[in-house]
Amino acid sequence: MADKSIEPGPIEQRPIEPWKIVRSRYALQDRWLSVRSDTVLLPNGRTLDAYHAIEAPDWATIIAITTTGNVVLVEQYRHAIERTLIELPAGMIDDGETPEAAARRELREETGHADGEWHDLGALFPVASRLANRVRTYLALDVRWVAEPKLDSNENIRVHVVPWDRFASDLRSDQRPIQEAAQMASLFLLSLFARSNADPRIARLAL
């Protein structure tokens, strides 16, 4: 049978035209998120009404490794999916707050861990088709427990400190401990960073 695969052609250099917003309206706005409905004019001349986008604060995710080489995780209930998940510490970046300051604050508040050596692994769009925010990932090396967590009134978090090798092995198994897609993307950023880093403390974190 003949191979019907399509050979890659030259990359088109002309940029794709953005959609033009004709008008916007908000169905919901609160401190957590805003649901925006846009009427947009497409490049082909057609009008799309409505395209729904969710505006939410940027947030930071922290991959925290203790002085003994363990990873700090949190367990909490997620009502949207009605399940309890194991996660990396994470939280919203407040207005006027730098991403690293937010990451340090969230790690301290959720887990009681602080200090260490911090590396910015970059930012990604978690769901670019709907969410307008970004998630920035940090690697925090040699963190230590400094005090009890300071949780918000709506938080019920259990902290787990797990050997990295066991955590990495579980990630590669059918019993994958991290089920949230954006957090798996954060771990991918870590793995890319670790594979190109000569520091043995970081290189060992490649997945």
N, C-alpha and C. Protein backbone atom coordinates (compact mmCIF):
# COMPACT_ATOMS: atom_id res chain seq x y z
N MET A 1 0.84 -1.19 0.00
CA MET A 1 0.00 0.00 0.00
C MET A 1 0.88 1.24 0.00
N ALA A 2 0.54 2.21 -0.81
CA ALA A 2 1.34 3.42 -0.92
C ALA A 2 1.23 4.24 0.36
N ASP A 3 2.34 4.88 0.69
CA ASP A 3 2.37 5.75 1.86
C ASP A 3 1.63 7.04 1.53
N LYS A 4 0.54 7.31 2.25
CA LYS A 4 -0.28 8.49 1.97
C LYS A 4 0.00 9.63 2.94
N SER A 5 1.07 9.50 3.71
CA SER A 5 1.39 10.58 4.65
C SER A 5 1.78 11.84 3.90
N ILE A 6 1.49 12.97 4.49
CA ILE A 6 1.77 14.25 3.86
C ILE A 6 3.11 14.77 4.34
N GLU A 7 3.98 15.06 3.40
CA GLU A 7 5.28 15.59 3.77
C GLU A 7 5.14 17.03 4.25
N PRO A 8 5.90 17.41 5.27
CA PRO A 8 5.80 18.80 5.74
C PRO A 8 6.28 19.77 4.69
N GLY A 9 5.55 20.86 4.53
CA GLY A 9 5.92 21.89 3.58
C GLY A 9 6.56 23.06 4.28
N PRO A 10 6.85 24.12 3.54
CA PRO A 10 7.46 25.31 4.16
C PRO A 10 6.50 25.97 5.14
N ILE A 11 7.06 26.54 6.19
CA ILE A 11 6.24 27.21 7.20
C ILE A 11 5.78 28.55 6.65
N GLU A 12 4.48 28.77 6.72
CA GLU A 12 3.90 30.04 6.25
C GLU A 12 4.39 31.17 7.15
N GLN A 13 4.98 32.20 6.55
CA GLN A 13 5.56 33.30 7.31
C GLN A 13 4.52 34.38 7.66
N ARG A 14 3.43 34.43 6.92
CA ARG A 14 2.43 35.45 7.20
C ARG A 14 1.72 35.15 8.51
N PRO A 15 1.64 36.10 9.44
CA PRO A 15 0.98 35.82 10.72
C PRO A 15 -0.52 35.58 10.54
N ILE A 16 -1.06 34.75 11.40
CA ILE A 16 -2.50 34.51 11.41
C ILE A 16 -3.19 35.73 12.00
N GLU A 17 -4.24 36.18 11.33
CA GLU A 17 -4.94 37.38 11.79
C GLU A 17 -5.71 37.11 13.09
N PRO A 18 -5.63 38.02 14.03
CA PRO A 18 -6.40 37.85 15.27
C PRO A 18 -7.88 38.16 15.03
N TRP A 19 -8.71 37.67 15.92
CA TRP A 19 -10.11 38.03 15.89
C TRP A 19 -10.27 39.46 16.40
N LYS A 20 -11.26 40.16 15.87
CA LYS A 20 -11.55 41.53 16.30
C LYS A 20 -12.78 41.52 17.21
N ILE A 21 -12.61 42.10 18.39
CA ILE A 21 -13.72 42.15 19.34
C ILE A 21 -14.66 43.30 18.99
N VAL A 22 -15.90 42.97 18.72
CA VAL A 22 -16.92 43.97 18.40
C VAL A 22 -17.51 44.54 19.69
N ARG A 23 -17.83 43.67 20.64
CA ARG A 23 -18.31 44.11 21.95
C ARG A 23 -18.09 42.97 22.95
N SER A 24 -18.07 43.35 24.22
CA SER A 24 -17.89 42.39 25.30
C SER A 24 -18.91 42.66 26.39
N ARG A 25 -19.32 41.61 27.06
CA ARG A 25 -20.20 41.75 28.21
C ARG A 25 -19.80 40.68 29.23
N TYR A 26 -20.10 40.96 30.49
CA TYR A 26 -19.73 40.04 31.57
C TYR A 26 -20.98 39.43 32.20
N ALA A 27 -20.99 38.10 32.23
CA ALA A 27 -22.10 37.40 32.87
C ALA A 27 -21.85 37.21 34.36
N LEU A 28 -20.58 37.22 34.76
CA LEU A 28 -20.22 37.01 36.16
C LEU A 28 -18.89 37.69 36.42
N GLN A 29 -18.79 38.38 37.55
CA GLN A 29 -17.54 38.97 37.99
C GLN A 29 -17.47 38.89 39.51
N ASP A 30 -16.42 38.24 40.02
CA ASP A 30 -16.15 38.26 41.45
C ASP A 30 -14.65 38.21 41.67
N ARG A 31 -14.21 38.01 42.90
CA ARG A 31 -12.77 38.07 43.19
C ARG A 31 -12.02 36.88 42.60
N TRP A 32 -12.74 35.81 42.26
CA TRP A 32 -12.10 34.60 41.78
C TRP A 32 -11.97 34.56 40.26
N LEU A 33 -13.03 35.01 39.56
CA LEU A 33 -13.00 34.94 38.10
C LEU A 33 -14.08 35.84 37.51
N SER A 34 -13.92 36.10 36.21
CA SER A 34 -14.93 36.82 35.44
C SER A 34 -15.21 36.03 34.17
N VAL A 35 -16.48 35.87 33.85
CA VAL A 35 -16.88 35.20 32.62
C VAL A 35 -17.24 36.27 31.60
N ARG A 36 -16.42 36.37 30.55
CA ARG A 36 -16.59 37.40 29.52
C ARG A 36 -17.13 36.77 28.24
N SER A 37 -18.16 37.40 27.68
CA SER A 37 -18.74 36.92 26.43
C SER A 37 -18.48 37.96 25.35
N ASP A 38 -17.69 37.58 24.34
CA ASP A 38 -17.31 38.49 23.27
C ASP A 38 -18.08 38.20 22.00
N THR A 39 -18.49 39.25 21.30
CA THR A 39 -18.89 39.15 19.90
C THR A 39 -17.66 39.48 19.08
N VAL A 40 -17.25 38.56 18.22
CA VAL A 40 -15.98 38.73 17.51
C VAL A 40 -16.19 38.64 16.00
N LEU A 41 -15.39 39.41 15.28
CA LEU A 41 -15.36 39.37 13.82
C LEU A 41 -14.17 38.51 13.41
N LEU A 42 -14.46 37.43 12.70
CA LEU A 42 -13.41 36.50 12.28
C LEU A 42 -12.71 37.01 11.02
N PRO A 43 -11.49 36.55 10.77
CA PRO A 43 -10.76 36.99 9.58
C PRO A 43 -11.49 36.72 8.26
N ASN A 44 -12.38 35.69 8.25
CA ASN A 44 -13.11 35.38 7.02
C ASN A 44 -14.36 36.24 6.84
N GLY A 45 -14.57 37.21 7.74
CA GLY A 45 -15.71 38.12 7.63
C GLY A 45 -16.94 37.69 8.40
N ARG A 46 -16.94 36.47 8.93
CA ARG A 46 -18.09 36.01 9.69
C ARG A 46 -18.04 36.56 11.11
N THR A 47 -19.20 36.65 11.74
CA THR A 47 -19.30 37.10 13.13
C THR A 47 -19.64 35.92 14.01
N LEU A 48 -18.92 35.81 15.12
CA LEU A 48 -19.18 34.76 16.11
C LEU A 48 -19.71 35.42 17.38
N ASP A 49 -20.91 34.99 17.78
CA ASP A 49 -21.54 35.57 18.96
C ASP A 49 -22.23 34.44 19.73
N ALA A 50 -21.78 34.03 20.87
CA ALA A 50 -20.70 34.69 21.62
C ALA A 50 -19.57 33.68 21.82
N TYR A 51 -18.39 34.23 22.03
CA TYR A 51 -17.26 33.40 22.43
C TYR A 51 -16.98 33.70 23.90
N HIS A 52 -17.01 32.65 24.73
CA HIS A 52 -16.89 32.83 26.17
C HIS A 52 -15.45 32.60 26.62
N ALA A 53 -14.94 33.54 27.38
CA ALA A 53 -13.60 33.44 27.94
C ALA A 53 -13.67 33.68 29.44
N ILE A 54 -12.76 33.05 30.17
CA ILE A 54 -12.72 33.18 31.61
C ILE A 54 -11.46 33.95 32.01
N GLU A 55 -11.66 35.07 32.66
CA GLU A 55 -10.54 35.85 33.18
C GLU A 55 -10.35 35.48 34.64
N ALA A 56 -9.13 35.14 35.00
CA ALA A 56 -8.82 34.75 36.37
C ALA A 56 -7.41 35.22 36.69
N PRO A 57 -7.08 35.37 37.96
CA PRO A 57 -5.72 35.79 38.30
C PRO A 57 -4.68 34.75 37.85
N ASP A 58 -3.49 35.23 37.53
CA ASP A 58 -2.38 34.32 37.32
C ASP A 58 -2.10 33.59 38.62
N TRP A 59 -1.50 32.41 38.50
CA TRP A 59 -1.13 31.73 39.73
C TRP A 59 0.27 31.13 39.60
N ALA A 60 0.81 30.75 40.74
CA ALA A 60 2.15 30.17 40.80
C ALA A 60 2.07 28.76 41.37
N THR A 61 2.89 27.87 40.80
CA THR A 61 3.00 26.50 41.27
C THR A 61 4.43 26.27 41.75
N ILE A 62 4.58 25.56 42.84
CA ILE A 62 5.89 25.37 43.44
C ILE A 62 6.24 23.90 43.55
N ILE A 63 7.39 23.53 42.98
CA ILE A 63 7.95 22.21 43.19
C ILE A 63 9.02 22.38 44.27
N ALA A 64 8.67 22.03 45.49
CA ALA A 64 9.52 22.29 46.65
C ALA A 64 10.24 21.02 47.08
N ILE A 65 11.56 21.10 47.13
CA ILE A 65 12.39 19.96 47.53
C ILE A 65 13.08 20.32 48.84
N THR A 66 12.96 19.46 49.83
CA THR A 66 13.53 19.73 51.15
C THR A 66 15.04 19.50 51.16
N THR A 67 15.66 19.86 52.27
CA THR A 67 17.10 19.67 52.43
C THR A 67 17.48 18.19 52.41
N THR A 68 16.52 17.31 52.67
CA THR A 68 16.79 15.87 52.65
C THR A 68 16.35 15.21 51.34
N GLY A 69 15.96 16.02 50.35
CA GLY A 69 15.64 15.49 49.03
C GLY A 69 14.22 15.00 48.85
N ASN A 70 13.31 15.41 49.73
CA ASN A 70 11.91 15.02 49.59
C ASN A 70 11.11 16.12 48.90
N VAL A 71 10.01 15.75 48.28
CA VAL A 71 9.13 16.73 47.64
C VAL A 71 7.94 17.01 48.55
N VAL A 72 7.56 18.29 48.64
CA VAL A 72 6.46 18.70 49.49
C VAL A 72 5.18 18.75 48.65
N LEU A 73 4.18 17.99 49.06
CA LEU A 73 2.91 17.90 48.35
C LEU A 73 1.76 18.29 49.27
N VAL A 74 0.64 18.62 48.67
CA VAL A 74 -0.56 18.92 49.45
C VAL A 74 -1.72 18.06 48.95
N GLU A 75 -2.59 17.72 49.87
CA GLU A 75 -3.80 16.94 49.55
C GLU A 75 -5.00 17.79 49.92
N GLN A 76 -5.92 17.97 48.97
CA GLN A 76 -7.10 18.76 49.26
C GLN A 76 -8.27 18.36 48.35
N TYR A 77 -9.46 18.67 48.83
CA TYR A 77 -10.69 18.36 48.09
C TYR A 77 -10.92 19.41 47.01
N ARG A 78 -11.29 18.95 45.80
CA ARG A 78 -11.59 19.83 44.68
C ARG A 78 -13.06 19.64 44.31
N HIS A 79 -13.87 20.64 44.65
CA HIS A 79 -15.31 20.47 44.54
C HIS A 79 -15.79 20.34 43.10
N ALA A 80 -15.14 21.01 42.15
CA ALA A 80 -15.61 20.95 40.76
C ALA A 80 -15.65 19.51 40.24
N ILE A 81 -14.69 18.70 40.67
CA ILE A 81 -14.67 17.30 40.22
C ILE A 81 -15.10 16.34 41.34
N GLU A 82 -15.40 16.90 42.51
CA GLU A 82 -15.86 16.12 43.66
C GLU A 82 -14.89 15.01 44.01
N ARG A 83 -13.61 15.37 44.04
CA ARG A 83 -12.57 14.40 44.38
C ARG A 83 -11.48 15.09 45.20
N THR A 84 -10.77 14.28 45.97
CA THR A 84 -9.59 14.75 46.69
C THR A 84 -8.36 14.42 45.86
N LEU A 85 -7.48 15.40 45.69
CA LEU A 85 -6.31 15.23 44.85
C LEU A 85 -5.02 15.50 45.62
N ILE A 86 -3.97 14.83 45.19
CA ILE A 86 -2.61 15.16 45.61
C ILE A 86 -2.09 16.18 44.61
N GLU A 87 -1.50 17.27 45.12
CA GLU A 87 -1.07 18.36 44.23
C GLU A 87 0.26 18.94 44.69
N LEU A 88 0.86 19.72 43.81
CA LEU A 88 1.95 20.60 44.18
C LEU A 88 1.36 21.84 44.85
N PRO A 89 2.05 22.44 45.80
CA PRO A 89 1.54 23.70 46.37
C PRO A 89 1.39 24.75 45.27
N ALA A 90 0.34 25.54 45.36
CA ALA A 90 0.07 26.54 44.32
C ALA A 90 -0.94 27.55 44.85
N GLY A 91 -1.00 28.70 44.18
CA GLY A 91 -1.98 29.69 44.58
C GLY A 91 -1.95 30.92 43.71
N MET A 92 -2.95 31.78 43.89
CA MET A 92 -3.10 32.97 43.08
C MET A 92 -2.03 34.01 43.39
N ILE A 93 -1.67 34.78 42.36
CA ILE A 93 -0.78 35.92 42.53
C ILE A 93 -1.66 37.14 42.78
N ASP A 94 -1.50 37.75 43.94
CA ASP A 94 -2.32 38.90 44.30
C ASP A 94 -1.90 40.15 43.52
N ASP A 95 -2.82 41.10 43.42
CA ASP A 95 -2.52 42.37 42.76
C ASP A 95 -1.31 43.03 43.42
N GLY A 96 -0.37 43.50 42.60
CA GLY A 96 0.81 44.17 43.12
C GLY A 96 1.88 43.24 43.64
N GLU A 97 1.67 41.95 43.55
CA GLU A 97 2.61 40.96 44.07
C GLU A 97 3.41 40.35 42.92
N THR A 98 4.70 40.17 43.09
CA THR A 98 5.48 39.51 42.07
C THR A 98 5.19 38.01 42.10
N PRO A 99 5.36 37.31 40.97
CA PRO A 99 5.10 35.87 40.98
C PRO A 99 5.94 35.11 42.01
N GLU A 100 7.21 35.46 42.16
CA GLU A 100 8.04 34.74 43.13
C GLU A 100 7.59 35.01 44.56
N ALA A 101 7.21 36.25 44.85
CA ALA A 101 6.71 36.56 46.19
C ALA A 101 5.44 35.76 46.49
N ALA A 102 4.59 35.63 45.49
CA ALA A 102 3.36 34.84 45.66
C ALA A 102 3.70 33.38 45.90
N ALA A 103 4.66 32.85 45.13
CA ALA A 103 5.05 31.45 45.29
C ALA A 103 5.60 31.19 46.68
N ARG A 104 6.46 32.08 47.14
CA ARG A 104 7.03 31.91 48.49
C ARG A 104 5.93 31.99 49.56
N ARG A 105 5.01 32.93 49.38
CA ARG A 105 3.91 33.07 50.34
C ARG A 105 3.03 31.83 50.36
N GLU A 106 2.66 31.34 49.18
CA GLU A 106 1.78 30.17 49.12
C GLU A 106 2.44 28.93 49.72
N LEU A 107 3.72 28.74 49.46
CA LEU A 107 4.41 27.58 50.03
C LEU A 107 4.40 27.66 51.55
N ARG A 108 4.68 28.84 52.06
CA ARG A 108 4.71 29.02 53.52
C ARG A 108 3.32 28.83 54.12
N GLU A 109 2.28 29.43 53.48
CA GLU A 109 0.94 29.35 54.03
C GLU A 109 0.37 27.94 53.96
N GLU A 110 0.59 27.24 52.85
CA GLU A 110 -0.03 25.92 52.65
C GLU A 110 0.72 24.80 53.35
N THR A 111 2.05 24.92 53.47
CA THR A 111 2.84 23.78 53.94
C THR A 111 3.72 24.08 55.14
N GLY A 112 3.92 25.35 55.47
CA GLY A 112 4.82 25.68 56.56
C GLY A 112 6.29 25.64 56.20
N HIS A 113 6.60 25.43 54.90
CA HIS A 113 7.98 25.37 54.44
C HIS A 113 8.39 26.71 53.83
N ALA A 114 9.69 27.03 53.93
CA ALA A 114 10.17 28.32 53.43
C ALA A 114 11.68 28.24 53.16
N ASP A 115 12.22 29.40 52.80
CA ASP A 115 13.66 29.59 52.53
C ASP A 115 14.07 28.80 51.29
N GLY A 116 15.31 28.41 51.20
CA GLY A 116 15.78 27.63 50.06
C GLY A 116 16.28 28.48 48.90
N GLU A 117 16.59 27.79 47.83
CA GLU A 117 17.13 28.38 46.59
C GLU A 117 16.07 28.24 45.51
N TRP A 118 15.68 29.37 44.91
CA TRP A 118 14.53 29.39 44.02
C TRP A 118 14.95 29.57 42.56
N HIS A 119 14.28 28.82 41.67
CA HIS A 119 14.53 28.89 40.23
C HIS A 119 13.20 29.07 39.51
N ASP A 120 13.14 30.08 38.63
CA ASP A 120 11.96 30.35 37.82
C ASP A 120 12.01 29.44 36.59
N LEU A 121 11.04 28.54 36.46
CA LEU A 121 11.01 27.59 35.34
C LEU A 121 10.18 28.09 34.16
N GLY A 122 9.55 29.25 34.30
CA GLY A 122 8.78 29.80 33.19
C GLY A 122 7.29 29.75 33.41
N ALA A 123 6.56 30.36 32.47
CA ALA A 123 5.11 30.47 32.56
C ALA A 123 4.45 29.82 31.34
N LEU A 124 3.26 29.26 31.55
CA LEU A 124 2.47 28.63 30.49
C LEU A 124 1.02 29.08 30.62
N PHE A 125 0.28 29.02 29.50
CA PHE A 125 -1.16 29.21 29.53
C PHE A 125 -1.81 27.87 29.87
N PRO A 126 -2.59 27.76 30.95
CA PRO A 126 -3.13 26.45 31.32
C PRO A 126 -4.16 25.91 30.34
N VAL A 127 -5.09 26.75 29.86
CA VAL A 127 -6.09 26.33 28.87
C VAL A 127 -6.33 27.54 27.98
N ALA A 128 -5.52 27.73 26.95
CA ALA A 128 -5.53 28.97 26.17
C ALA A 128 -6.83 29.18 25.40
N SER A 129 -7.59 28.13 25.17
CA SER A 129 -8.85 28.29 24.44
C SER A 129 -9.94 28.95 25.29
N ARG A 130 -9.79 28.92 26.62
CA ARG A 130 -10.83 29.47 27.48
C ARG A 130 -10.30 30.39 28.57
N LEU A 131 -9.17 30.03 29.18
CA LEU A 131 -8.65 30.79 30.31
C LEU A 131 -7.65 31.82 29.83
N ALA A 132 -7.75 33.04 30.34
CA ALA A 132 -6.89 34.13 29.89
C ALA A 132 -5.67 34.33 30.78
N ASN A 133 -5.48 33.46 31.76
CA ASN A 133 -4.38 33.66 32.71
C ASN A 133 -3.19 32.75 32.41
N ARG A 134 -2.16 32.90 33.23
CA ARG A 134 -0.94 32.10 33.10
C ARG A 134 -0.62 31.45 34.44
N VAL A 135 0.11 30.34 34.36
CA VAL A 135 0.65 29.70 35.56
C VAL A 135 2.17 29.72 35.45
N ARG A 136 2.83 30.22 36.48
CA ARG A 136 4.29 30.28 36.52
C ARG A 136 4.78 29.24 37.52
N THR A 137 5.83 28.50 37.13
CA THR A 137 6.34 27.40 37.94
C THR A 137 7.69 27.76 38.54
N TYR A 138 7.86 27.40 39.80
CA TYR A 138 9.13 27.61 40.49
C TYR A 138 9.63 26.29 41.07
N LEU A 139 10.94 26.11 40.99
CA LEU A 139 11.61 25.04 41.73
C LEU A 139 12.24 25.68 42.96
N ALA A 140 11.91 25.15 44.12
CA ALA A 140 12.49 25.63 45.37
C ALA A 140 13.31 24.51 45.99
N LEU A 141 14.63 24.68 45.99
CA LEU A 141 15.54 23.66 46.52
C LEU A 141 15.88 23.95 47.97
N ASP A 142 16.08 22.88 48.73
CA ASP A 142 16.56 22.98 50.11
C ASP A 142 15.63 23.80 51.00
N VAL A 143 14.32 23.64 50.78
CA VAL A 143 13.39 24.31 51.68
C VAL A 143 13.37 23.57 53.02
N ARG A 144 12.89 24.24 54.05
CA ARG A 144 12.81 23.63 55.37
C ARG A 144 11.50 24.03 56.03
N TRP A 145 11.04 23.18 56.94
CA TRP A 145 9.83 23.48 57.70
C TRP A 145 10.15 24.55 58.72
N VAL A 146 9.36 25.62 58.75
CA VAL A 146 9.64 26.73 59.67
C VAL A 146 8.51 26.98 60.67
N ALA A 147 7.29 26.60 60.32
CA ALA A 147 6.16 26.86 61.21
C ALA A 147 4.94 26.11 60.70
N GLU A 148 3.89 26.12 61.50
CA GLU A 148 2.63 25.51 61.08
C GLU A 148 2.05 26.29 59.89
N PRO A 149 1.35 25.61 58.97
CA PRO A 149 0.69 26.32 57.86
C PRO A 149 -0.33 27.34 58.38
N LYS A 150 -0.56 28.37 57.56
CA LYS A 150 -1.57 29.39 57.86
C LYS A 150 -2.61 29.34 56.75
N LEU A 151 -3.65 28.55 56.95
CA LEU A 151 -4.63 28.29 55.90
C LEU A 151 -5.76 29.30 55.92
N ASP A 152 -6.32 29.57 54.72
CA ASP A 152 -7.53 30.38 54.64
C ASP A 152 -8.70 29.60 55.24
N SER A 153 -9.78 30.32 55.53
CA SER A 153 -10.93 29.70 56.17
C SER A 153 -11.60 28.63 55.29
N ASN A 154 -11.40 28.74 53.97
CA ASN A 154 -12.01 27.76 53.06
C ASN A 154 -11.05 26.64 52.66
N GLU A 155 -9.89 26.58 53.29
CA GLU A 155 -8.90 25.56 52.94
C GLU A 155 -8.83 24.48 54.02
N ASN A 156 -8.75 23.24 53.56
CA ASN A 156 -8.53 22.09 54.43
C ASN A 156 -7.47 21.23 53.75
N ILE A 157 -6.22 21.46 54.12
CA ILE A 157 -5.09 20.89 53.40
C ILE A 157 -4.30 19.95 54.30
N ARG A 158 -3.94 18.80 53.75
CA ARG A 158 -3.04 17.87 54.43
C ARG A 158 -1.70 17.88 53.68
N VAL A 159 -0.62 18.06 54.40
CA VAL A 159 0.71 18.14 53.80
C VAL A 159 1.36 16.76 53.80
N HIS A 160 1.99 16.41 52.67
CA HIS A 160 2.75 15.17 52.55
C HIS A 160 4.17 15.51 52.13
N VAL A 161 5.16 14.90 52.76
CA VAL A 161 6.56 15.06 52.38
C VAL A 161 7.05 13.68 51.96
N VAL A 162 7.36 13.53 50.67
CA VAL A 162 7.56 12.23 50.06
C VAL A 162 8.95 12.16 49.41
N PRO A 163 9.66 11.05 49.55
CA PRO A 163 10.94 10.92 48.85
C PRO A 163 10.77 11.15 47.35
N TRP A 164 11.65 11.97 46.75
CA TRP A 164 11.52 12.30 45.33
C TRP A 164 11.52 11.06 44.45
N ASP A 165 12.41 10.11 44.73
CA ASP A 165 12.51 8.93 43.87
C ASP A 165 11.20 8.15 43.86
N ARG A 166 10.54 8.04 45.01
CA ARG A 166 9.26 7.34 45.06
C ARG A 166 8.19 8.11 44.29
N PHE A 167 8.19 9.43 44.47
CA PHE A 167 7.23 10.28 43.76
C PHE A 167 7.43 10.15 42.25
N ALA A 168 8.68 10.21 41.78
CA ALA A 168 8.97 10.10 40.35
C ALA A 168 8.56 8.73 39.81
N SER A 169 8.81 7.69 40.59
CA SER A 169 8.42 6.34 40.15
C SER A 169 6.90 6.23 40.04
N ASP A 170 6.18 6.82 41.00
CA ASP A 170 4.71 6.78 40.94
C ASP A 170 4.18 7.56 39.74
N LEU A 171 4.86 8.66 39.37
CA LEU A 171 4.43 9.43 38.19
C LEU A 171 4.49 8.59 36.92
N ARG A 172 5.45 7.69 36.87
CA ARG A 172 5.62 6.86 35.67
C ARG A 172 4.75 5.61 35.70
N SER A 173 4.02 5.41 36.77
CA SER A 173 3.18 4.22 36.90
C SER A 173 1.73 4.53 36.59
N ASP A 174 0.89 3.50 36.66
CA ASP A 174 -0.54 3.69 36.45
C ASP A 174 -1.19 4.42 37.63
N GLN A 175 -0.49 4.47 38.76
CA GLN A 175 -1.02 5.13 39.95
C GLN A 175 -0.51 6.56 40.04
N ARG A 176 -0.52 7.29 38.93
CA ARG A 176 0.04 8.63 38.86
C ARG A 176 -0.56 9.53 39.94
N PRO A 177 0.28 10.07 40.84
CA PRO A 177 -0.27 10.85 41.96
C PRO A 177 -0.80 12.22 41.56
N ILE A 178 -0.24 12.83 40.52
CA ILE A 178 -0.69 14.15 40.08
C ILE A 178 -1.66 13.96 38.92
N GLN A 179 -2.90 14.43 39.11
CA GLN A 179 -3.94 14.25 38.10
C GLN A 179 -4.32 15.56 37.40
N GLU A 180 -3.79 16.68 37.85
CA GLU A 180 -4.16 17.99 37.30
C GLU A 180 -3.20 18.34 36.16
N ALA A 181 -3.77 18.67 34.99
CA ALA A 181 -2.97 18.80 33.77
C ALA A 181 -1.93 19.91 33.86
N ALA A 182 -2.31 21.07 34.40
CA ALA A 182 -1.36 22.18 34.50
C ALA A 182 -0.20 21.83 35.41
N GLN A 183 -0.45 21.03 36.44
CA GLN A 183 0.63 20.63 37.33
C GLN A 183 1.56 19.62 36.66
N MET A 184 1.01 18.76 35.83
CA MET A 184 1.87 17.87 35.05
C MET A 184 2.74 18.68 34.09
N ALA A 185 2.20 19.78 33.54
CA ALA A 185 2.99 20.65 32.68
C ALA A 185 4.13 21.29 33.48
N SER A 186 3.87 21.66 34.73
CA SER A 186 4.91 22.21 35.59
C SER A 186 6.02 21.19 35.81
N LEU A 187 5.66 19.94 36.00
CA LEU A 187 6.67 18.89 36.17
C LEU A 187 7.46 18.66 34.88
N PHE A 188 6.82 18.85 33.73
CA PHE A 188 7.53 18.76 32.45
C PHE A 188 8.56 19.86 32.34
N LEU A 189 8.20 21.08 32.75
CA LEU A 189 9.17 22.18 32.75
C LEU A 189 10.35 21.86 33.66
N LEU A 190 10.06 21.28 34.82
CA LEU A 190 11.13 20.88 35.72
C LEU A 190 12.06 19.88 35.06
N SER A 191 11.48 18.88 34.40
CA SER A 191 12.29 17.84 33.77
C SER A 191 13.20 18.42 32.68
N LEU A 192 12.68 19.33 31.88
CA LEU A 192 13.50 19.98 30.86
C LEU A 192 14.65 20.76 31.50
N PHE A 193 14.34 21.47 32.58
CA PHE A 193 15.36 22.24 33.28
C PHE A 193 16.42 21.32 33.88
N ALA A 194 15.98 20.22 34.47
CA ALA A 194 16.90 19.30 35.13
C ALA A 194 17.83 18.61 34.14
N ARG A 195 17.31 18.29 32.96
CA ARG A 195 18.12 17.57 31.98
C ARG A 195 19.27 18.41 31.42
N SER A 196 19.17 19.72 31.55
CA SER A 196 20.23 20.59 31.01
C SER A 196 21.02 21.28 32.12
N ASN A 197 20.90 20.77 33.35
CA ASN A 197 21.54 21.43 34.49
C ASN A 197 22.63 20.54 35.07
N ALA A 198 23.78 21.14 35.34
CA ALA A 198 24.92 20.38 35.85
C ALA A 198 24.87 20.18 37.36
N ASP A 199 24.04 20.95 38.06
CA ASP A 199 23.93 20.81 39.51
C ASP A 199 23.30 19.45 39.82
N PRO A 200 24.00 18.56 40.54
CA PRO A 200 23.45 17.23 40.79
C PRO A 200 22.15 17.25 41.57
N ARG A 201 21.93 18.27 42.39
CA ARG A 201 20.66 18.37 43.13
C ARG A 201 19.49 18.56 42.20
N ILE A 202 19.76 19.24 41.07
CA ILE A 202 18.71 19.51 40.07
C ILE A 202 18.65 18.40 39.04
N ALA A 203 19.80 17.90 38.59
CA ALA A 203 19.84 16.87 37.55
C ALA A 203 19.08 15.62 37.97
N ARG A 204 19.10 15.31 39.26
CA ARG A 204 18.41 14.10 39.74
C ARG A 204 16.90 14.20 39.65
N LEU A 205 16.38 15.41 39.38
CA LEU A 205 14.93 15.61 39.33
C LEU A 205 14.35 15.38 37.94
N ALA A 206 15.20 15.06 36.96
CA ALA A 206 14.69 14.78 35.61
C ALA A 206 13.79 13.55 35.65
N LEU A 207 12.67 13.63 34.96
CA LEU A 207 11.68 12.54 34.98
C LEU A 207 11.83 11.64 33.77
